[in-house]
Structures are given as C-alpha cells and as structure tokens.
C-alpha atoms as a PDB file:
ATOM      1  CA  UNK A   1       0.000   0.000   0.000  1.00  0.00           C
ATOM      2  CA  UNK A   2       2.850   2.413   0.826  1.00  0.00           C
ATOM      3  CA  UNK A   3       4.439   1.747  -2.552  1.00  0.00           C
ATOM      4  CA  UNK A   4       1.212   2.615  -4.336  1.00  0.00           C
ATOM      5  CA  UNK A   5       0.883   5.854  -2.357  1.00  0.00           C
ATOM      6  CA  UNK A   6       4.472   6.859  -3.128  1.00  0.00           C
ATOM      7  CA  UNK A   7       3.972   5.953  -6.784  1.00  0.00           C
ATOM      8  CA  UNK A   8       0.901   8.217  -6.930  1.00  0.00           C
ATOM      9  CA  UNK A   9       2.583  11.134  -5.144  1.00  0.00           C
ATOM     10  CA  UNK A  10       5.705  11.295  -7.338  1.00  0.00           C
ATOM     11  CA  UNK A  11       3.914  12.983 -10.299  1.00  0.00           C
ATOM     12  CA  UNK A  12       2.234  15.458  -7.946  1.00  0.00           C
ATOM     13  CA  UNK A  13       5.566  16.385  -6.377  1.00  0.00           C
ATOM     14  CA  UNK A  14       7.133  16.815  -9.806  1.00  0.00           C
ATOM     15  CA  UNK A  15       4.506  19.385 -10.772  1.00  0.00           C
ATOM     16  CA  UNK A  16       4.886  21.191  -7.441  1.00  0.00           C
ATOM     17  CA  UNK A  17       8.580  21.963  -8.039  1.00  0.00           C
ATOM     18  CA  UNK A  18       9.235  25.666  -8.606  1.00  0.00           C
ATOM     19  CA  UNK A  19      10.395  26.725 -12.052  1.00  0.00           C
ATOM     20  CA  UNK A  20      14.020  27.607 -12.449  1.00  0.00           C
ATOM     21  CA  UNK A  21      13.334  31.192 -13.508  1.00  0.00           C
ATOM     22  CA  UNK A  22      14.250  33.237 -16.552  1.00  0.00           C
ATOM     23  CA  UNK A  23      17.540  33.767 -18.323  1.00  0.00           C
ATOM     24  CA  UNK A  24      17.807  36.554 -20.875  1.00  0.00           C
ATOM     25  CA  UNK A  25      20.900  36.450 -23.064  1.00  0.00           C
ATOM     26  CA  UNK A  26      21.480  39.326 -25.418  1.00  0.00           C
ATOM     27  CA  UNK A  27      23.974  40.200 -28.129  1.00  0.00           C
ATOM     28  CA  UNK A  28      23.449  43.669 -29.590  1.00  0.00           C
ATOM     29  CA  UNK A  29      25.731  45.380 -32.048  1.00  0.00           C
ATOM     30  CA  UNK A  30      26.507  48.957 -31.091  1.00  0.00           C
ATOM     31  CA  UNK A  31      25.992  48.345 -27.360  1.00  0.00           C
ATOM     32  CA  UNK A  32      28.925  49.929 -25.554  1.00  0.00           C
ATOM     33  CA  UNK A  33      30.958  47.966 -23.017  1.00  0.00           C
ATOM     34  CA  UNK A  34      29.948  48.376 -19.369  1.00  0.00           C
ATOM     35  CA  UNK A  35      26.476  49.670 -20.267  1.00  0.00           C
ATOM     36  CA  UNK A  36      24.054  48.901 -17.442  1.00  0.00           C
ATOM     37  CA  UNK A  37      21.223  46.696 -18.697  1.00  0.00           C
ATOM     38  CA  UNK A  38      18.126  46.434 -16.475  1.00  0.00           C
ATOM     39  CA  UNK A  39      14.918  44.393 -16.560  1.00  0.00           C
ATOM     40  CA  UNK A  40      12.099  46.597 -15.279  1.00  0.00           C
ATOM     41  CA  UNK A  41       8.606  45.499 -14.260  1.00  0.00           C
ATOM     42  CA  UNK A  42       6.205  47.312 -16.588  1.00  0.00           C
ATOM     43  CA  UNK A  43       3.494  47.435 -13.919  1.00  0.00           C
ATOM     44  CA  UNK A  44       5.356  49.071 -11.036  1.00  0.00           C
ATOM     45  CA  UNK A  45       8.746  50.159 -12.392  1.00  0.00           C
ATOM     46  CA  UNK A  46      10.673  47.865 -10.041  1.00  0.00           C
ATOM     47  CA  UNK A  47      14.123  46.748 -11.215  1.00  0.00           C
ATOM     48  CA  UNK A  48      14.091  42.937 -11.331  1.00  0.00           C
ATOM     49  CA  UNK A  49      17.598  42.296 -12.647  1.00  0.00           C
ATOM     50  CA  UNK A  50      20.603  44.256 -13.842  1.00  0.00           C
ATOM     51  CA  UNK A  51      24.014  43.572 -15.291  1.00  0.00           C
ATOM     52  CA  UNK A  52      26.715  45.286 -17.337  1.00  0.00           C
ATOM     53  CA  UNK A  53      27.351  44.601 -21.013  1.00  0.00           C
ATOM     54  CA  UNK A  54      30.614  43.195 -22.296  1.00  0.00           C
ATOM     55  CA  UNK A  55      31.413  43.347 -26.026  1.00  0.00           C
ATOM     56  CA  UNK A  56      27.728  43.876 -26.799  1.00  0.00           C
ATOM     57  CA  UNK A  57      26.602  40.873 -24.727  1.00  0.00           C
ATOM     58  CA  UNK A  58      24.640  40.721 -21.492  1.00  0.00           C
ATOM     59  CA  UNK A  59      22.808  38.202 -19.323  1.00  0.00           C
ATOM     60  CA  UNK A  60      19.920  38.837 -16.939  1.00  0.00           C
ATOM     61  CA  UNK A  61      18.679  36.151 -14.548  1.00  0.00           C
ATOM     62  CA  UNK A  62      15.899  35.907 -12.008  1.00  0.00           C
ATOM     63  CA  UNK A  63      12.554  34.389 -11.192  1.00  0.00           C
ATOM     64  CA  UNK A  64       9.106  35.807 -11.916  1.00  0.00           C
ATOM     65  CA  UNK A  65       5.942  35.062  -9.955  1.00  0.00           C
ATOM     66  CA  UNK A  66       3.699  35.706 -12.942  1.00  0.00           C
ATOM     67  CA  UNK A  67       3.950  36.535 -16.631  1.00  0.00           C
ATOM     68  CA  UNK A  68       3.868  40.144 -17.709  1.00  0.00           C
ATOM     69  CA  UNK A  69       5.199  42.915 -19.887  1.00  0.00           C
ATOM     70  CA  UNK A  70       8.666  44.036 -18.913  1.00  0.00           C
ATOM     71  CA  UNK A  71      11.102  46.567 -20.267  1.00  0.00           C
ATOM     72  CA  UNK A  72      14.779  46.093 -20.853  1.00  0.00           C
ATOM     73  CA  UNK A  73      16.480  49.435 -20.302  1.00  0.00           C
ATOM     74  CA  UNK A  74      19.934  50.235 -21.628  1.00  0.00           C
ATOM     75  CA  UNK A  75      21.569  53.063 -19.639  1.00  0.00           C
ATOM     76  CA  UNK A  76      22.525  55.923 -21.937  1.00  0.00           C
ATOM     77  CA  UNK A  77      20.112  54.843 -24.692  1.00  0.00           C
ATOM     78  CA  UNK A  78      16.707  56.431 -25.207  1.00  0.00           C
ATOM     79  CA  UNK A  79      14.468  53.569 -26.274  1.00  0.00           C
ATOM     80  CA  UNK A  80      13.651  50.578 -24.041  1.00  0.00           C
ATOM     81  CA  UNK A  81      12.816  47.106 -25.354  1.00  0.00           C
ATOM     82  CA  UNK A  82       9.394  45.699 -24.423  1.00  0.00           C
ATOM     83  CA  UNK A  83       9.312  41.980 -23.636  1.00  0.00           C
ATOM     84  CA  UNK A  84       6.294  39.848 -22.701  1.00  0.00           C
ATOM     85  CA  UNK A  85       7.571  36.801 -20.844  1.00  0.00           C
ATOM     86  CA  UNK A  86       7.501  34.501 -17.846  1.00  0.00           C
ATOM     87  CA  UNK A  87      10.258  32.189 -16.588  1.00  0.00           C
ATOM     88  CA  UNK A  88      11.676  31.542 -20.043  1.00  0.00           C
ATOM     89  CA  UNK A  89      15.041  31.242 -21.746  1.00  0.00           C
ATOM     90  CA  UNK A  90      15.073  34.355 -23.922  1.00  0.00           C
ATOM     91  CA  UNK A  91      17.562  35.295 -26.639  1.00  0.00           C
ATOM     92  CA  UNK A  92      17.863  38.880 -27.859  1.00  0.00           C
ATOM     93  CA  UNK A  93      19.805  39.972 -30.937  1.00  0.00           C
ATOM     94  CA  UNK A  94      20.018  42.949 -33.237  1.00  0.00           C
ATOM     95  CA  UNK A  95      21.298  46.510 -33.237  1.00  0.00           C
ATOM     96  CA  UNK A  96      20.893  48.759 -30.193  1.00  0.00           C
ATOM     97  CA  UNK A  97      20.329  51.726 -32.526  1.00  0.00           C
ATOM     98  CA  UNK A  98      17.316  49.991 -34.132  1.00  0.00           C
ATOM     99  CA  UNK A  99      15.311  48.786 -31.108  1.00  0.00           C
ATOM    100  CA  UNK A 100      12.101  48.277 -33.099  1.00  0.00           C
ATOM    101  CA  UNK A 101      13.791  45.537 -35.126  1.00  0.00           C
ATOM    102  CA  UNK A 102      15.561  43.728 -32.279  1.00  0.00           C
ATOM    103  CA  UNK A 103      14.730  40.022 -32.312  1.00  0.00           C
ATOM    104  CA  UNK A 104      13.360  38.426 -29.115  1.00  0.00           C
ATOM    105  CA  UNK A 105      13.187  34.622 -29.228  1.00  0.00           C
ATOM    106  CA  UNK A 106      12.323  31.905 -26.726  1.00  0.00           C
ATOM    107  CA  UNK A 107       9.171  33.240 -25.094  1.00  0.00           C
ATOM    108  CA  UNK A 108       5.872  31.955 -26.468  1.00  0.00           C
ATOM    109  CA  UNK A 109       4.199  34.894 -24.729  1.00  0.00           C
ATOM    110  CA  UNK A 110       6.383  37.328 -26.696  1.00  0.00           C
ATOM    111  CA  UNK A 111       5.335  35.671 -29.953  1.00  0.00           C
ATOM    112  CA  UNK A 112       1.651  36.020 -28.988  1.00  0.00           C
ATOM    113  CA  UNK A 113       2.234  39.640 -27.936  1.00  0.00           C
ATOM    114  CA  UNK A 114       3.875  40.517 -31.271  1.00  0.00           C
ATOM    115  CA  UNK A 115       1.038  38.858 -33.153  1.00  0.00           C
ATOM    116  CA  UNK A 116      -1.495  40.826 -31.125  1.00  0.00           C
ATOM    117  CA  UNK A 117       0.366  44.108 -31.714  1.00  0.00           C
ATOM    118  CA  UNK A 118       0.602  43.518 -35.462  1.00  0.00           C
ATOM    119  CA  UNK A 119      -3.168  43.023 -35.647  1.00  0.00           C
ATOM    120  CA  UNK A 120      -4.252  45.611 -33.083  1.00  0.00           C
ATOM    121  CA  UNK A 121      -2.060  48.625 -33.895  1.00  0.00           C
ATOM    122  CA  UNK A 122      -3.505  49.199 -37.407  1.00  0.00           C
ATOM    123  CA  UNK A 123      -7.013  49.346 -35.898  1.00  0.00           C
ATOM    124  CA  UNK A 124      -5.831  51.678 -33.161  1.00  0.00           C
ATOM    125  CA  UNK A 125      -4.272  54.007 -35.723  1.00  0.00           C
ATOM    126  CA  UNK A 126      -7.544  54.026 -37.699  1.00  0.00           C
ATOM    127  CA  UNK A 127      -9.457  54.984 -34.567  1.00  0.00           C
ATOM    128  CA  UNK A 128      -7.043  57.830 -33.824  1.00  0.00           C
ATOM    129  CA  UNK A 129      -7.767  59.393 -37.220  1.00  0.00           C
ATOM    130  CA  UNK A 130     -11.507  59.556 -36.523  1.00  0.00           C
END
C-alpha cells in the first residue's frame, strides 16, 4: 500500500517543483561595453535584474511570480525594449540603434504579444484618425 501511495505522489511532487526562472541572453551590435542593462517590471517600475554589457553581450537572470510585460532598459540609450515573458530562456539579438527591429526569441508569450500588436495597432491608428 505504501508503494502505491508513493507511486501516486511522485507525479504530484514533480509538478509542485518551482520553475528555475528566466535567463535573458542578449547580443546587440553597437551596445557599448559596461552599459548597465536592467529588466524593469512594466506594472510598477521595479528593477528585477541588472548587469553590465561586455562586447555587446549581457545576461539577466531571475525568477518571476507571474507573466507580464517588462522593459529592458539600456543606460545611456533612449528607447527601451518591451518583452512579454515569464520564466523563459530568452535570446535577444540585433542593433541597439534599431530597437524596433531587435529580435526576441524563446518566449511563447512574446510571440503572442507581437502577433497581437501587429493586428491591433492598425485598428488603433484608424481609430485615432476619426
């Protein structure tokens, strides 16, 4: 009987394990060495992770309690990068001087967010002209 109980509890315990968290790895051309890179919570402005760039590369690590829209801020650069993610492995590449065309891969939520934006923004722009 004990063996059956243990056998039944193993899958439950496996699902109860906390996720490892997120890792964001970026490689951006034009990003100066020692630039502070920060992940900011879009809802409350709290800094969740920060690191310095080295040869255009950076890594941010942490753990999120829930999915959301976050901003990656590059100190000394005007435009932040919006990212919709949870505890994912995210890869960022592109040119820091062309933030709108930076590629964000690895987060299914980001893919859904980009799809939503591509469909919603044209309607929003039509409404603004009315």
